[in-house]
Amino acid sequence: MATKERTIVALNPNTGGVYAISVAAELVGTGQQNLRLYERRGLLEPGRTEGGTRRYSEDDLVTLRRIAELLGQGLNLSGIRLVLTLENENQSLRSQLLDRAANPGTTPRQTRNKTDATAPR
């Protein structure tokens, strides 16, 4: 019996999705429906196989654990989306500052363009 090889499409090629939704849900201690809801609400976007099956990466699991933490602190999903967005923007700014410190001759625009080109979408 020949096995069909599938290519995993991930948002961040450095951390391709490997976990099926059932495994990801179990690893973070929530239900599969919650993972689907978080995706619909824009809290995360797991990679997909060519057949459309969700594949969760280690980065996705970190995000899911953060979502669970914020839910435990009483935030709703809209608030969590704002927190995650601000945390991502903060990390991007920190990366720019570190890059600027490492390359003092670089202009802010060059640093921003370099960061934008490497940021996952």
PDB file of N, CA and C in Angstrom:
ATOM      1  N   MET A   1       0.844  -1.172   0.000  1.00  0.00           N
ATOM      2  CA  MET A   1       0.000   0.000   0.000  1.00  0.00           C
ATOM      3  C   MET A   1       0.893   1.240   0.000  1.00  0.00           C
ATOM      4  N   ALA A   2       0.740   2.078  -0.999  1.00  0.00           N
ATOM      5  CA  ALA A   2       1.560   3.278  -1.106  1.00  0.00           C
ATOM      6  C   ALA A   2       0.990   4.359  -0.200  1.00  0.00           C
ATOM      7  N   THR A   3       1.892   5.083   0.440  1.00  0.00           N
ATOM      8  CA  THR A   3       1.446   6.190   1.287  1.00  0.00           C
ATOM      9  C   THR A   3       1.521   7.472   0.490  1.00  0.00           C
ATOM     10  N   LYS A   4       0.577   8.316   0.716  1.00  0.00           N
ATOM     11  CA  LYS A   4       0.516   9.597   0.020  1.00  0.00           C
ATOM     12  C   LYS A   4       1.265  10.636   0.840  1.00  0.00           C
ATOM     13  N   GLU A   5       2.270  11.239   0.243  1.00  0.00           N
ATOM     14  CA  GLU A   5       3.055  12.253   0.949  1.00  0.00           C
ATOM     15  C   GLU A   5       2.342  13.590   0.853  1.00  0.00           C
ATOM     16  N   ARG A   6       2.286  14.299   1.978  1.00  0.00           N
ATOM     17  CA  ARG A   6       1.634  15.604   2.013  1.00  0.00           C
ATOM     18  C   ARG A   6       2.634  16.672   2.386  1.00  0.00           C
ATOM     19  N   THR A   7       2.474  17.813   1.782  1.00  0.00           N
ATOM     20  CA  THR A   7       3.303  18.957   2.109  1.00  0.00           C
ATOM     21  C   THR A   7       2.568  19.798   3.135  1.00  0.00           C
ATOM     22  N   ILE A   8       3.256  20.157   4.198  1.00  0.00           N
ATOM     23  CA  ILE A   8       2.656  20.991   5.236  1.00  0.00           C
ATOM     24  C   ILE A   8       2.947  22.449   4.913  1.00  0.00           C
ATOM     25  N   VAL A   9       1.902  23.240   4.878  1.00  0.00           N
ATOM     26  CA  VAL A   9       2.033  24.665   4.628  1.00  0.00           C
ATOM     27  C   VAL A   9       1.923  25.367   5.969  1.00  0.00           C
ATOM     28  N   ALA A  10       2.972  26.067   6.365  1.00  0.00           N
ATOM     29  CA  ALA A  10       2.974  26.744   7.661  1.00  0.00           C
ATOM     30  C   ALA A  10       3.147  28.236   7.466  1.00  0.00           C
ATOM     31  N   LEU A  11       2.595  29.014   8.381  1.00  0.00           N
ATOM     32  CA  LEU A  11       2.776  30.463   8.331  1.00  0.00           C
ATOM     33  C   LEU A  11       4.230  30.835   8.489  1.00  0.00           C
ATOM     34  N   ASN A  12       4.870  30.228   9.438  1.00  0.00           N
ATOM     35  CA  ASN A  12       6.272  30.503   9.701  1.00  0.00           C
ATOM     36  C   ASN A  12       7.068  29.273   9.290  1.00  0.00           C
ATOM     37  N   PRO A  13       7.810  29.367   8.179  1.00  0.00           N
ATOM     38  CA  PRO A  13       8.505  28.190   7.684  1.00  0.00           C
ATOM     39  C   PRO A  13       9.527  27.623   8.651  1.00  0.00           C
ATOM     40  N   ASN A  14       9.944  28.403   9.631  1.00  0.00           N
ATOM     41  CA  ASN A  14      10.910  27.910  10.608  1.00  0.00           C
ATOM     42  C   ASN A  14      10.281  26.957  11.611  1.00  0.00           C
ATOM     43  N   THR A  15       8.978  27.026  11.756  1.00  0.00           N
ATOM     44  CA  THR A  15       8.296  26.177  12.724  1.00  0.00           C
ATOM     45  C   THR A  15       7.060  25.580  12.079  1.00  0.00           C
ATOM     46  N   GLY A  16       7.241  24.648  11.169  1.00  0.00           N
ATOM     47  CA  GLY A  16       6.130  24.033  10.464  1.00  0.00           C
ATOM     48  C   GLY A  16       5.203  23.287  11.400  1.00  0.00           C
ATOM     49  N   GLY A  17       3.930  23.254  11.030  1.00  0.00           N
ATOM     50  CA  GLY A  17       2.951  22.564  11.839  1.00  0.00           C
ATOM     51  C   GLY A  17       3.098  21.056  11.742  1.00  0.00           C
ATOM     52  N   VAL A  18       3.074  20.400  12.872  1.00  0.00           N
ATOM     53  CA  VAL A  18       3.201  18.947  12.889  1.00  0.00           C
ATOM     54  C   VAL A  18       2.083  18.275  13.672  1.00  0.00           C
ATOM     55  N   TYR A  19       1.363  19.006  14.519  1.00  0.00           N
ATOM     56  CA  TYR A  19       0.360  18.412  15.389  1.00  0.00           C
ATOM     57  C   TYR A  19      -1.035  18.522  14.771  1.00  0.00           C
ATOM     58  N   ALA A  20      -1.751  17.412  14.739  1.00  0.00           N
ATOM     59  CA  ALA A  20      -3.153  17.430  14.329  1.00  0.00           C
ATOM     60  C   ALA A  20      -3.959  18.157  15.400  1.00  0.00           C
ATOM     61  N   ILE A  21      -5.161  18.570  15.048  1.00  0.00           N
ATOM     62  CA  ILE A  21      -5.974  19.350  15.979  1.00  0.00           C
ATOM     63  C   ILE A  21      -6.253  18.579  17.269  1.00  0.00           C
ATOM     64  N   SER A  22      -6.471  17.275  17.173  1.00  0.00           N
ATOM     65  CA  SER A  22      -6.761  16.490  18.381  1.00  0.00           C
ATOM     66  C   SER A  22      -5.562  16.453  19.319  1.00  0.00           C
ATOM     67  N   VAL A  23      -4.375  16.324  18.752  1.00  0.00           N
ATOM     68  CA  VAL A  23      -3.155  16.283  19.562  1.00  0.00           C
ATOM     69  C   VAL A  23      -2.882  17.657  20.169  1.00  0.00           C
ATOM     70  N   ALA A  24      -3.018  18.709  19.359  1.00  0.00           N
ATOM     71  CA  ALA A  24      -2.779  20.069  19.857  1.00  0.00           C
ATOM     72  C   ALA A  24      -3.740  20.395  20.997  1.00  0.00           C
ATOM     73  N   ALA A  25      -5.007  20.035  20.828  1.00  0.00           N
ATOM     74  CA  ALA A  25      -5.998  20.307  21.874  1.00  0.00           C
ATOM     75  C   ALA A  25      -5.634  19.582  23.165  1.00  0.00           C
ATOM     76  N   GLU A  26      -5.215  18.341  23.038  1.00  0.00           N
ATOM     77  CA  GLU A  26      -4.837  17.575  24.230  1.00  0.00           C
ATOM     78  C   GLU A  26      -3.592  18.162  24.897  1.00  0.00           C
ATOM     79  N   LEU A  27      -2.621  18.576  24.092  1.00  0.00           N
ATOM     80  CA  LEU A  27      -1.379  19.117  24.647  1.00  0.00           C
ATOM     81  C   LEU A  27      -1.595  20.400  25.441  1.00  0.00           C
ATOM     82  N   VAL A  28      -2.572  21.205  25.023  1.00  0.00           N
ATOM     83  CA  VAL A  28      -2.812  22.469  25.729  1.00  0.00           C
ATOM     84  C   VAL A  28      -3.992  22.383  26.694  1.00  0.00           C
ATOM     85  N   GLY A  29      -4.657  21.241  26.741  1.00  0.00           N
ATOM     86  CA  GLY A  29      -5.725  21.051  27.712  1.00  0.00           C
ATOM     87  C   GLY A  29      -7.027  21.738  27.382  1.00  0.00           C
ATOM     88  N   THR A  30      -7.407  21.731  26.119  1.00  0.00           N
ATOM     89  CA  THR A  30      -8.676  22.326  25.716  1.00  0.00           C
ATOM     90  C   THR A  30      -9.327  21.432  24.671  1.00  0.00           C
ATOM     91  N   GLY A  31     -10.490  21.830  24.199  1.00  0.00           N
ATOM     92  CA  GLY A  31     -11.202  21.038  23.206  1.00  0.00           C
ATOM     93  C   GLY A  31     -10.899  21.476  21.786  1.00  0.00           C
ATOM     94  N   GLN A  32     -11.144  20.573  20.857  1.00  0.00           N
ATOM     95  CA  GLN A  32     -10.911  20.874  19.449  1.00  0.00           C
ATOM     96  C   GLN A  32     -11.793  22.023  18.970  1.00  0.00           C
ATOM     97  N   GLN A  33     -13.026  22.090  19.473  1.00  0.00           N
ATOM     98  CA  GLN A  33     -13.920  23.179  19.073  1.00  0.00           C
ATOM     99  C   GLN A  33     -13.358  24.536  19.488  1.00  0.00           C
ATOM    100  N   ASN A  34     -12.680  24.580  20.628  1.00  0.00           N
ATOM    101  CA  ASN A  34     -12.064  25.842  21.056  1.00  0.00           C
ATOM    102  C   ASN A  34     -10.991  26.270  20.067  1.00  0.00           C
ATOM    103  N   LEU A  35     -10.184  25.332  19.593  1.00  0.00           N
ATOM    104  CA  LEU A  35      -9.137  25.666  18.631  1.00  0.00           C
ATOM    105  C   LEU A  35      -9.748  26.209  17.345  1.00  0.00           C
ATOM    106  N   ARG A  36     -10.841  25.600  16.906  1.00  0.00           N
ATOM    107  CA  ARG A  36     -11.526  26.099  15.700  1.00  0.00           C
ATOM    108  C   ARG A  36     -12.083  27.506  15.941  1.00  0.00           C
ATOM    109  N   LEU A  37     -12.636  27.733  17.137  1.00  0.00           N
ATOM    110  CA  LEU A  37     -13.167  29.052  17.490  1.00  0.00           C
ATOM    111  C   LEU A  37     -12.056  30.098  17.499  1.00  0.00           C
ATOM    112  N   TYR A  38     -10.922  29.774  18.096  1.00  0.00           N
ATOM    113  CA  TYR A  38      -9.810  30.720  18.153  1.00  0.00           C
ATOM    114  C   TYR A  38      -9.348  31.087  16.744  1.00  0.00           C
ATOM    115  N   GLU A  39      -9.363  30.112  15.851  1.00  0.00           N
ATOM    116  CA  GLU A  39      -8.983  30.402  14.467  1.00  0.00           C
ATOM    117  C   GLU A  39     -10.015  31.318  13.815  1.00  0.00           C
ATOM    118  N   ARG A  40     -11.303  31.026  14.004  1.00  0.00           N
ATOM    119  CA  ARG A  40     -12.352  31.879  13.424  1.00  0.00           C
ATOM    120  C   ARG A  40     -12.266  33.307  13.941  1.00  0.00           C
ATOM    121  N   ARG A  41     -11.873  33.466  15.200  1.00  0.00           N
ATOM    122  CA  ARG A  41     -11.773  34.798  15.806  1.00  0.00           C
ATOM    123  C   ARG A  41     -10.448  35.493  15.500  1.00  0.00           C
ATOM    124  N   GLY A  42      -9.568  34.839  14.755  1.00  0.00           N
ATOM    125  CA  GLY A  42      -8.318  35.470  14.345  1.00  0.00           C
ATOM    126  C   GLY A  42      -7.220  35.450  15.388  1.00  0.00           C
ATOM    127  N   LEU A  43      -7.322  34.553  16.371  1.00  0.00           N
ATOM    128  CA  LEU A  43      -6.298  34.498  17.413  1.00  0.00           C
ATOM    129  C   LEU A  43      -5.067  33.715  16.976  1.00  0.00           C
ATOM    130  N   LEU A  44      -5.236  32.807  16.047  1.00  0.00           N
ATOM    131  CA  LEU A  44      -4.101  32.092  15.478  1.00  0.00           C
ATOM    132  C   LEU A  44      -4.526  31.514  14.143  1.00  0.00           C
ATOM    133  N   GLU A  45      -3.551  31.171  13.337  1.00  0.00           N
ATOM    134  CA  GLU A  45      -3.819  30.607  12.022  1.00  0.00           C
ATOM    135  C   GLU A  45      -2.867  29.438  11.796  1.00  0.00           C
ATOM    136  N   PRO A  46      -3.325  28.228  12.110  1.00  0.00           N
ATOM    137  CA  PRO A  46      -2.441  27.071  11.944  1.00  0.00           C
ATOM    138  C   PRO A  46      -2.158  26.810  10.470  1.00  0.00           C
ATOM    139  N   GLY A  47      -1.038  26.143  10.231  1.00  0.00           N
ATOM    140  CA  GLY A  47      -0.737  25.739   8.870  1.00  0.00           C
ATOM    141  C   GLY A  47      -1.735  24.689   8.415  1.00  0.00           C
ATOM    142  N   ARG A  48      -1.728  24.411   7.141  1.00  0.00           N
ATOM    143  CA  ARG A  48      -2.642  23.410   6.587  1.00  0.00           C
ATOM    144  C   ARG A  48      -1.894  22.517   5.609  1.00  0.00           C
ATOM    145  N   THR A  49      -2.346  21.275   5.539  1.00  0.00           N
ATOM    146  CA  THR A  49      -1.812  20.370   4.526  1.00  0.00           C
ATOM    147  C   THR A  49      -2.462  20.726   3.200  1.00  0.00           C
ATOM    148  N   GLU A  50      -1.997  20.120   2.123  1.00  0.00           N
ATOM    149  CA  GLU A  50      -2.618  20.370   0.820  1.00  0.00           C
ATOM    150  C   GLU A  50      -4.088  19.975   0.832  1.00  0.00           C
ATOM    151  N   GLY A  51      -4.431  18.997   1.652  1.00  0.00           N
ATOM    152  CA  GLY A  51      -5.820  18.560   1.768  1.00  0.00           C
ATOM    153  C   GLY A  51      -6.664  19.428   2.688  1.00  0.00           C
ATOM    154  N   GLY A  52      -6.062  20.424   3.338  1.00  0.00           N
ATOM    155  CA  GLY A  52      -6.795  21.355   4.187  1.00  0.00           C
ATOM    156  C   GLY A  52      -6.808  21.010   5.665  1.00  0.00           C
ATOM    157  N   THR A  53      -6.120  19.946   6.051  1.00  0.00           N
ATOM    158  CA  THR A  53      -6.076  19.562   7.461  1.00  0.00           C
ATOM    159  C   THR A  53      -5.208  20.532   8.246  1.00  0.00           C
ATOM    160  N   ARG A  54      -5.711  20.990   9.381  1.00  0.00           N
ATOM    161  CA  ARG A  54      -4.939  21.897  10.227  1.00  0.00           C
ATOM    162  C   ARG A  54      -3.730  21.164  10.799  1.00  0.00           C
ATOM    163  N   ARG A  55      -2.607  21.869  10.861  1.00  0.00           N
ATOM    164  CA  ARG A  55      -1.398  21.354  11.503  1.00  0.00           C
ATOM    165  C   ARG A  55      -0.856  22.456  12.391  1.00  0.00           C
ATOM    166  N   TYR A  56      -0.747  22.170  13.676  1.00  0.00           N
ATOM    167  CA  TYR A  56      -0.311  23.150  14.664  1.00  0.00           C
ATOM    168  C   TYR A  56       1.178  23.006  14.939  1.00  0.00           C
ATOM    169  N   SER A  57       1.863  24.131  15.010  1.00  0.00           N
ATOM    170  CA  SER A  57       3.305  24.170  15.269  1.00  0.00           C
ATOM    171  C   SER A  57       3.561  24.402  16.757  1.00  0.00           C
ATOM    172  N   GLU A  58       4.826  24.325  17.130  1.00  0.00           N
ATOM    173  CA  GLU A  58       5.207  24.653  18.514  1.00  0.00           C
ATOM    174  C   GLU A  58       4.824  26.093  18.838  1.00  0.00           C
ATOM    175  N   ASP A  59       5.020  27.016  17.883  1.00  0.00           N
ATOM    176  CA  ASP A  59       4.625  28.414  18.103  1.00  0.00           C
ATOM    177  C   ASP A  59       3.120  28.525  18.341  1.00  0.00           C
ATOM    178  N   ASP A  60       2.333  27.735  17.587  1.00  0.00           N
ATOM    179  CA  ASP A  60       0.884  27.737  17.796  1.00  0.00           C
ATOM    180  C   ASP A  60       0.537  27.252  19.200  1.00  0.00           C
ATOM    181  N   LEU A  61       1.249  26.230  19.673  1.00  0.00           N
ATOM    182  CA  LEU A  61       0.995  25.716  21.025  1.00  0.00           C
ATOM    183  C   LEU A  61       1.314  26.774  22.078  1.00  0.00           C
ATOM    184  N   VAL A  62       2.384  27.544  21.861  1.00  0.00           N
ATOM    185  CA  VAL A  62       2.720  28.637  22.785  1.00  0.00           C
ATOM    186  C   VAL A  62       1.578  29.656  22.802  1.00  0.00           C
ATOM    187  N   THR A  63       1.076  30.000  21.618  1.00  0.00           N
ATOM    188  CA  THR A  63      -0.037  30.947  21.528  1.00  0.00           C
ATOM    189  C   THR A  63      -1.276  30.392  22.219  1.00  0.00           C
ATOM    190  N   LEU A  64      -1.565  29.113  22.009  1.00  0.00           N
ATOM    191  CA  LEU A  64      -2.732  28.498  22.647  1.00  0.00           C
ATOM    192  C   LEU A  64      -2.610  28.499  24.164  1.00  0.00           C
ATOM    193  N   ARG A  65      -1.419  28.249  24.658  1.00  0.00           N
ATOM    194  CA  ARG A  65      -1.218  28.288  26.114  1.00  0.00           C
ATOM    195  C   ARG A  65      -1.396  29.713  26.643  1.00  0.00           C
ATOM    196  N   ARG A  66      -0.945  30.693  25.862  1.00  0.00           N
ATOM    197  CA  ARG A  66      -1.115  32.101  26.263  1.00  0.00           C
ATOM    198  C   ARG A  66      -2.597  32.461  26.274  1.00  0.00           C
ATOM    199  N   ILE A  67      -3.337  31.983  25.272  1.00  0.00           N
ATOM    200  CA  ILE A  67      -4.781  32.225  25.234  1.00  0.00           C
ATOM    201  C   ILE A  67      -5.438  31.647  26.484  1.00  0.00           C
ATOM    202  N   ALA A  68      -5.075  30.421  26.841  1.00  0.00           N
ATOM    203  CA  ALA A  68      -5.641  29.787  28.037  1.00  0.00           C
ATOM    204  C   ALA A  68      -5.311  30.593  29.290  1.00  0.00           C
ATOM    205  N   GLU A  69      -4.085  31.089  29.361  1.00  0.00           N
ATOM    206  CA  GLU A  69      -3.674  31.903  30.512  1.00  0.00           C
ATOM    207  C   GLU A  69      -4.516  33.172  30.611  1.00  0.00           C
ATOM    208  N   LEU A  70      -4.705  33.842  29.474  1.00  0.00           N
ATOM    209  CA  LEU A  70      -5.480  35.083  29.467  1.00  0.00           C
ATOM    210  C   LEU A  70      -6.956  34.823  29.760  1.00  0.00           C
ATOM    211  N   LEU A  71      -7.491  33.715  29.259  1.00  0.00           N
ATOM    212  CA  LEU A  71      -8.870  33.345  29.598  1.00  0.00           C
ATOM    213  C   LEU A  71      -9.007  33.132  31.101  1.00  0.00           C
ATOM    214  N   GLY A  72      -8.006  32.496  31.683  1.00  0.00           N
ATOM    215  CA  GLY A  72      -8.004  32.251  33.125  1.00  0.00           C
ATOM    216  C   GLY A  72      -7.950  33.529  33.942  1.00  0.00           C
ATOM    217  N   GLN A  73      -7.421  34.591  33.335  1.00  0.00           N
ATOM    218  CA  GLN A  73      -7.350  35.881  34.016  1.00  0.00           C
ATOM    219  C   GLN A  73      -8.607  36.718  33.780  1.00  0.00           C
ATOM    220  N   GLY A  74      -9.567  36.144  33.039  1.00  0.00           N
ATOM    221  CA  GLY A  74     -10.850  36.811  32.869  1.00  0.00           C
ATOM    222  C   GLY A  74     -11.032  37.598  31.590  1.00  0.00           C
ATOM    223  N   LEU A  75     -10.090  37.557  30.669  1.00  0.00           N
ATOM    224  CA  LEU A  75     -10.251  38.285  29.414  1.00  0.00           C
ATOM    225  C   LEU A  75     -11.170  37.517  28.475  1.00  0.00           C
ATOM    226  N   ASN A  76     -11.925  38.258  27.664  1.00  0.00           N
ATOM    227  CA  ASN A  76     -12.718  37.614  26.624  1.00  0.00           C
ATOM    228  C   ASN A  76     -11.866  37.514  25.354  1.00  0.00           C
ATOM    229  N   LEU A  77     -12.395  36.873  24.314  1.00  0.00           N
ATOM    230  CA  LEU A  77     -11.593  36.626  23.115  1.00  0.00           C
ATOM    231  C   LEU A  77     -11.200  37.915  22.390  1.00  0.00           C
ATOM    232  N   SER A  78     -12.057  38.924  22.431  1.00  0.00           N
ATOM    233  CA  SER A  78     -11.697  40.210  21.813  1.00  0.00           C
ATOM    234  C   SER A  78     -10.530  40.853  22.549  1.00  0.00           C
ATOM    235  N   GLY A  79     -10.573  40.804  23.865  1.00  0.00           N
ATOM    236  CA  GLY A  79      -9.470  41.336  24.664  1.00  0.00           C
ATOM    237  C   GLY A  79      -8.188  40.562  24.437  1.00  0.00           C
ATOM    238  N   ILE A  80      -8.310  39.257  24.313  1.00  0.00           N
ATOM    239  CA  ILE A  80      -7.133  38.417  24.075  1.00  0.00           C
ATOM    240  C   ILE A  80      -6.507  38.753  22.732  1.00  0.00           C
ATOM    241  N   ARG A  81      -7.344  38.980  21.719  1.00  0.00           N
ATOM    242  CA  ARG A  81      -6.805  39.353  20.405  1.00  0.00           C
ATOM    243  C   ARG A  81      -5.997  40.641  20.503  1.00  0.00           C
ATOM    244  N   LEU A  82      -6.505  41.615  21.256  1.00  0.00           N
ATOM    245  CA  LEU A  82      -5.771  42.873  21.436  1.00  0.00           C
ATOM    246  C   LEU A  82      -4.450  42.648  22.169  1.00  0.00           C
ATOM    247  N   VAL A  83      -4.479  41.848  23.224  1.00  0.00           N
ATOM    248  CA  VAL A  83      -3.256  41.565  23.987  1.00  0.00           C
ATOM    249  C   VAL A  83      -2.227  40.878  23.093  1.00  0.00           C
ATOM    250  N   LEU A  84      -2.659  39.864  22.336  1.00  0.00           N
ATOM    251  CA  LEU A  84      -1.723  39.144  21.464  1.00  0.00           C
ATOM    252  C   LEU A  84      -1.136  40.066  20.395  1.00  0.00           C
ATOM    253  N   THR A  85      -1.978  40.944  19.849  1.00  0.00           N
ATOM    254  CA  THR A  85      -1.500  41.901  18.846  1.00  0.00           C
ATOM    255  C   THR A  85      -0.456  42.832  19.453  1.00  0.00           C
ATOM    256  N   LEU A  86      -0.743  43.360  20.626  1.00  0.00           N
ATOM    257  CA  LEU A  86       0.211  44.259  21.292  1.00  0.00           C
ATOM    258  C   LEU A  86       1.507  43.539  21.654  1.00  0.00           C
ATOM    259  N   GLU A  87       1.403  42.299  22.104  1.00  0.00           N
ATOM    260  CA  GLU A  87       2.612  41.536  22.431  1.00  0.00           C
ATOM    261  C   GLU A  87       3.462  41.293  21.184  1.00  0.00           C
ATOM    262  N   ASN A  88       2.800  40.992  20.059  1.00  0.00           N
ATOM    263  CA  ASN A  88       3.545  40.781  18.812  1.00  0.00           C
ATOM    264  C   ASN A  88       4.210  42.067  18.336  1.00  0.00           C
ATOM    265  N   GLU A  89       3.485  43.181  18.428  1.00  0.00           N
ATOM    266  CA  GLU A  89       4.067  44.470  18.041  1.00  0.00           C
ATOM    267  C   GLU A  89       5.235  44.827  18.949  1.00  0.00           C
ATOM    268  N   ASN A  90       5.100  44.564  20.234  1.00  0.00           N
ATOM    269  CA  ASN A  90       6.170  44.828  21.189  1.00  0.00           C
ATOM    270  C   ASN A  90       7.411  44.009  20.832  1.00  0.00           C
ATOM    271  N   GLN A  91       7.208  42.731  20.510  1.00  0.00           N
ATOM    272  CA  GLN A  91       8.333  41.872  20.132  1.00  0.00           C
ATOM    273  C   GLN A  91       9.004  42.376  18.856  1.00  0.00           C
ATOM    274  N   SER A  92       8.200  42.844  17.912  1.00  0.00           N
ATOM    275  CA  SER A  92       8.751  43.382  16.670  1.00  0.00           C
ATOM    276  C   SER A  92       9.605  44.622  16.944  1.00  0.00           C
ATOM    277  N   LEU A  93       9.109  45.500  17.806  1.00  0.00           N
ATOM    278  CA  LEU A  93       9.871  46.702  18.157  1.00  0.00           C
ATOM    279  C   LEU A  93      11.167  46.346  18.886  1.00  0.00           C
ATOM    280  N   ARG A  94      11.106  45.361  19.764  1.00  0.00           N
ATOM    281  CA  ARG A  94      12.326  44.920  20.456  1.00  0.00           C
ATOM    282  C   ARG A  94      13.348  44.384  19.461  1.00  0.00           C
ATOM    283  N   SER A  95      12.878  43.620  18.491  1.00  0.00           N
ATOM    284  CA  SER A  95      13.782  43.079  17.469  1.00  0.00           C
ATOM    285  C   SER A  95      14.429  44.206  16.672  1.00  0.00           C
ATOM    286  N   GLN A  96      13.629  45.219  16.339  1.00  0.00           N
ATOM    287  CA  GLN A  96      14.172  46.362  15.608  1.00  0.00           C
ATOM    288  C   GLN A  96      15.233  47.083  16.427  1.00  0.00           C
ATOM    289  N   LEU A  97      14.966  47.274  17.714  1.00  0.00           N
ATOM    290  CA  LEU A  97      15.941  47.948  18.575  1.00  0.00           C
ATOM    291  C   LEU A  97      17.229  47.145  18.694  1.00  0.00           C
ATOM    292  N   LEU A  98      17.109  45.841  18.856  1.00  0.00           N
ATOM    293  CA  LEU A  98      18.298  44.985  18.935  1.00  0.00           C
ATOM    294  C   LEU A  98      19.073  45.009  17.626  1.00  0.00           C
ATOM    295  N   ASP A  99      18.346  44.995  16.513  1.00  0.00           N
ATOM    296  CA  ASP A  99      18.996  45.043  15.207  1.00  0.00           C
ATOM    297  C   ASP A  99      19.703  46.383  15.012  1.00  0.00           C
ATOM    298  N   ARG A 100      19.049  47.446  15.443  1.00  0.00           N
ATOM    299  CA  ARG A 100      19.641  48.779  15.318  1.00  0.00           C
ATOM    300  C   ARG A 100      20.888  48.896  16.193  1.00  0.00           C
ATOM    301  N   ALA A 101      20.854  48.308  17.381  1.00  0.00           N
ATOM    302  CA  ALA A 101      22.018  48.338  18.267  1.00  0.00           C
ATOM    303  C   ALA A 101      23.166  47.523  17.678  1.00  0.00           C
ATOM    304  N   ALA A 102      22.837  46.434  16.992  1.00  0.00           N
ATOM    305  CA  ALA A 102      23.866  45.587  16.385  1.00  0.00           C
ATOM    306  C   ALA A 102      24.422  46.198  15.102  1.00  0.00           C
ATOM    307  N   ASN A 103      23.624  47.053  14.440  1.00  0.00           N
ATOM    308  CA  ASN A 103      24.029  47.691  13.182  1.00  0.00           C
ATOM    309  C   ASN A 103      23.807  49.192  13.289  1.00  0.00           C
ATOM    310  N   PRO A 104      24.680  49.911  13.991  1.00  0.00           N
ATOM    311  CA  PRO A 104      24.440  51.333  14.268  1.00  0.00           C
ATOM    312  C   PRO A 104      24.351  52.222  13.029  1.00  0.00           C
ATOM    313  N   GLY A 105      24.902  51.809  11.898  1.00  0.00           N
ATOM    314  CA  GLY A 105      24.846  52.638  10.698  1.00  0.00           C
ATOM    315  C   GLY A 105      23.567  52.488   9.910  1.00  0.00           C
ATOM    316  N   THR A 106      22.673  51.608  10.332  1.00  0.00           N
ATOM    317  CA  THR A 106      21.435  51.346   9.617  1.00  0.00           C
ATOM    318  C   THR A 106      20.393  52.399   9.976  1.00  0.00           C
ATOM    319  N   THR A 107      19.671  52.879   8.957  1.00  0.00           N
ATOM    320  CA  THR A 107      18.610  53.857   9.210  1.00  0.00           C
ATOM    321  C   THR A 107      17.374  53.134   9.734  1.00  0.00           C
ATOM    322  N   PRO A 108      16.502  53.850  10.432  1.00  0.00           N
ATOM    323  CA  PRO A 108      15.275  53.215  10.935  1.00  0.00           C
ATOM    324  C   PRO A 108      14.449  52.570   9.824  1.00  0.00           C
ATOM    325  N   ARG A 109      14.371  53.204   8.658  1.00  0.00           N
ATOM    326  CA  ARG A 109      13.591  52.647   7.548  1.00  0.00           C
ATOM    327  C   ARG A 109      14.195  51.331   7.071  1.00  0.00           C
ATOM    328  N   GLN A 110      15.522  51.248   6.959  1.00  0.00           N
ATOM    329  CA  GLN A 110      16.164  50.001   6.540  1.00  0.00           C
ATOM    330  C   GLN A 110      15.882  48.896   7.547  1.00  0.00           C
ATOM    331  N   THR A 111      15.938  49.234   8.817  1.00  0.00           N
ATOM    332  CA  THR A 111      15.661  48.252   9.867  1.00  0.00           C
ATOM    333  C   THR A 111      14.215  47.786   9.783  1.00  0.00           C
ATOM    334  N   ARG A 112      13.269  48.731   9.614  1.00  0.00           N
ATOM    335  CA  ARG A 112      11.851  48.393   9.536  1.00  0.00           C
ATOM    336  C   ARG A 112      11.569  47.522   8.317  1.00  0.00           C
ATOM    337  N   ASN A 113      12.136  47.875   7.159  1.00  0.00           N
ATOM    338  CA  ASN A 113      11.921  47.092   5.950  1.00  0.00           C
ATOM    339  C   ASN A 113      12.467  45.679   6.106  1.00  0.00           C
ATOM    340  N   LYS A 114      13.621  45.551   6.749  1.00  0.00           N
ATOM    341  CA  LYS A 114      14.210  44.234   6.972  1.00  0.00           C
ATOM    342  C   LYS A 114      13.313  43.408   7.885  1.00  0.00           C
ATOM    343  N   THR A 115      12.790  44.023   8.938  1.00  0.00           N
ATOM    344  CA  THR A 115      11.915  43.327   9.877  1.00  0.00           C
ATOM    345  C   THR A 115      10.607  42.946   9.200  1.00  0.00           C
ATOM    346  N   ASP A 116      10.028  43.861   8.416  1.00  0.00           N
ATOM    347  CA  ASP A 116       8.773  43.581   7.723  1.00  0.00           C
ATOM    348  C   ASP A 116       8.922  42.424   6.748  1.00  0.00           C
ATOM    349  N   ALA A 117      10.072  42.344   6.098  1.00  0.00           N
ATOM    350  CA  ALA A 117      10.294  41.293   5.111  1.00  0.00           C
ATOM    351  C   ALA A 117      10.405  39.917   5.745  1.00  0.00           C
ATOM    352  N   THR A 118      10.832  39.855   7.005  1.00  0.00           N
ATOM    353  CA  THR A 118      11.017  38.558   7.661  1.00  0.00           C
ATOM    354  C   THR A 118       9.880  38.197   8.600  1.00  0.00           C
ATOM    355  N   ALA A 119       8.935  39.111   8.814  1.00  0.00           N
ATOM    356  CA  ALA A 119       7.839  38.854   9.756  1.00  0.00           C
ATOM    357  C   ALA A 119       6.847  37.860   9.165  1.00  0.00           C
ATOM    358  N   PRO A 120       6.352  36.901   9.983  1.00  0.00           N
ATOM    359  CA  PRO A 120       5.333  35.971   9.493  1.00  0.00           C
ATOM    360  C   PRO A 120       4.025  36.702   9.264  1.00  0.00           C
ATOM    361  N   ARG A 121       3.277  36.265   8.308  1.00  0.00           N
ATOM    362  CA  ARG A 121       1.995  36.912   7.984  1.00  0.00           C
ATOM    363  C   ARG A 121       0.860  35.958   8.111  1.00  0.00           C
TER     364      ARG A 121
END
